[in-house]
Protein backbone atom coordinates (compact mmCIF):
# COMPACT_ATOMS: atom_id res chain seq x y z
CA UNK A 1 77.58 41.74 69.70
CA UNK A 2 79.33 39.70 67.03
CA UNK A 3 82.76 38.28 67.75
CA UNK A 4 85.14 37.51 64.91
CA UNK A 5 88.23 35.53 65.80
CA UNK A 6 91.18 36.14 63.50
CA UNK A 7 92.83 32.85 62.50
CA UNK A 8 96.08 34.31 61.19
CA UNK A 9 97.73 37.15 59.34
CA UNK A 10 99.52 37.61 56.05
CA UNK A 11 98.83 38.10 52.37
CA UNK A 12 96.86 36.25 49.71
CA UNK A 13 98.46 32.88 50.55
CA UNK A 14 97.13 33.18 54.11
CA UNK A 15 93.64 33.95 52.80
CA UNK A 16 93.88 31.06 50.33
CA UNK A 17 94.78 28.66 53.17
CA UNK A 18 91.09 28.75 54.14
CA UNK A 19 91.75 28.63 57.90
CA UNK A 20 89.31 31.43 58.81
CA UNK A 21 89.37 35.23 58.87
CA UNK A 22 92.80 36.67 58.07
CA UNK A 23 94.34 39.99 59.06
CA UNK A 24 95.37 40.96 55.50
CA UNK A 25 98.69 42.69 56.17
CA UNK A 26 99.45 44.13 52.68
CA UNK A 27 96.83 46.84 53.33
CA UNK A 28 97.97 47.77 56.86
CA UNK A 29 99.03 51.26 55.72
CA UNK A 30 95.37 52.06 54.97
CA UNK A 31 93.24 50.22 57.50
CA UNK A 32 92.86 46.90 59.31
CA UNK A 33 91.41 44.50 56.73
CA UNK A 34 89.93 41.21 57.97
CA UNK A 35 89.45 39.03 54.90
CA UNK A 36 88.03 35.58 54.22
CA UNK A 37 87.02 33.85 50.99
CA UNK A 38 83.26 33.42 50.63
CA UNK A 39 83.67 29.67 50.08
CA UNK A 40 85.86 29.32 53.19
CA UNK A 41 83.15 30.73 55.46
CA UNK A 42 83.50 34.47 54.86
CA UNK A 43 80.06 34.90 53.30
CA UNK A 44 78.34 32.97 56.08
CA UNK A 45 80.34 34.86 58.72
CA UNK A 46 80.13 38.43 57.34
CA UNK A 47 77.05 38.76 55.11
CA UNK A 48 74.51 39.08 57.92
CA UNK A 49 76.38 41.82 59.79
CA UNK A 50 74.36 45.03 59.59
CA UNK A 51 74.92 48.74 60.10
CA UNK A 52 74.74 49.66 63.78
CA UNK A 53 75.91 46.27 65.06
CA UNK A 54 78.84 45.97 67.44
CA UNK A 55 81.69 43.75 66.27
CA UNK A 56 84.44 42.53 68.58
CA UNK A 57 87.70 41.34 67.04
CA UNK A 58 89.75 39.96 69.96
CA UNK A 59 93.28 41.34 69.89
CA UNK A 60 92.25 44.23 67.61
CA UNK A 61 89.32 46.04 69.21
CA UNK A 62 85.58 46.54 69.37
CA UNK A 63 83.87 48.45 66.60
CA UNK A 64 80.49 49.65 65.36
CA UNK A 65 79.43 48.86 61.80
CA UNK A 66 79.00 52.22 60.04
CA UNK A 67 78.48 51.15 56.41
CA UNK A 68 78.26 48.27 53.97
CA UNK A 69 79.30 48.44 50.34
CA UNK A 70 80.53 46.58 47.29
CA UNK A 71 83.72 46.84 45.29
CA UNK A 72 84.84 44.88 42.22
CA UNK A 73 86.49 41.53 42.94
CA UNK A 74 90.22 42.22 42.90
CA UNK A 75 89.48 45.87 43.61
CA UNK A 76 92.06 48.16 45.14
CA UNK A 77 92.20 50.23 48.30
CA UNK A 78 91.11 53.16 46.08
CA UNK A 79 87.84 51.33 45.38
CA UNK A 80 87.28 50.83 49.11
CA UNK A 81 88.06 54.47 49.93
CA UNK A 82 85.63 55.60 47.22
CA UNK A 83 82.79 53.50 48.67
CA UNK A 84 83.30 54.73 52.24
CA UNK A 85 84.57 58.28 51.58
CA UNK A 86 87.92 57.39 53.12
CA UNK A 87 89.11 54.53 55.27
CA UNK A 88 87.28 53.31 58.36
CA UNK A 89 89.27 51.94 61.33
CA UNK A 90 88.71 48.38 60.12
CA UNK A 91 87.09 46.57 57.19
CA UNK A 92 85.55 43.12 56.87
CA UNK A 93 85.87 41.78 53.33
CA UNK A 94 84.60 38.70 51.48
CA UNK A 95 83.47 37.89 47.96
CA UNK A 96 79.76 37.80 47.12
CA UNK A 97 78.98 34.29 45.82
CA UNK A 98 78.07 34.09 42.15
CA UNK A 99 79.19 37.64 41.36
CA UNK A 100 82.35 39.54 40.52
CA UNK A 101 81.88 41.77 43.57
CA UNK A 102 83.26 41.87 47.10
CA UNK A 103 81.27 42.83 50.19
CA UNK A 104 83.09 45.37 52.36
CA UNK A 105 81.87 46.34 55.81
CA UNK A 106 83.17 49.49 57.52
CA UNK A 107 83.96 49.28 61.23
CA UNK A 108 84.61 52.40 63.29
């Protein structure tokens, strides 16, 4: 089981603070997004998480990874819904280094 500790919550400024994974609150109406810049540790933390793994996010729940996908950097919730065929219970998100894409991981 992987455990991801959320360092804070808020919008882009919280993500930009580079303190660790952030509960990205602007997308709360759609799903729980846990977001971290690739260069702040997000790529190292999220990129190796595979489909079928169990992920615990203390204070939020325990989930199973059901899918991995990519959306354009700066993509919208519509991009995420299109990749997953709707919204999973939670999503891990980080940029893919050296690209204009973001890795999104569906947790259910």
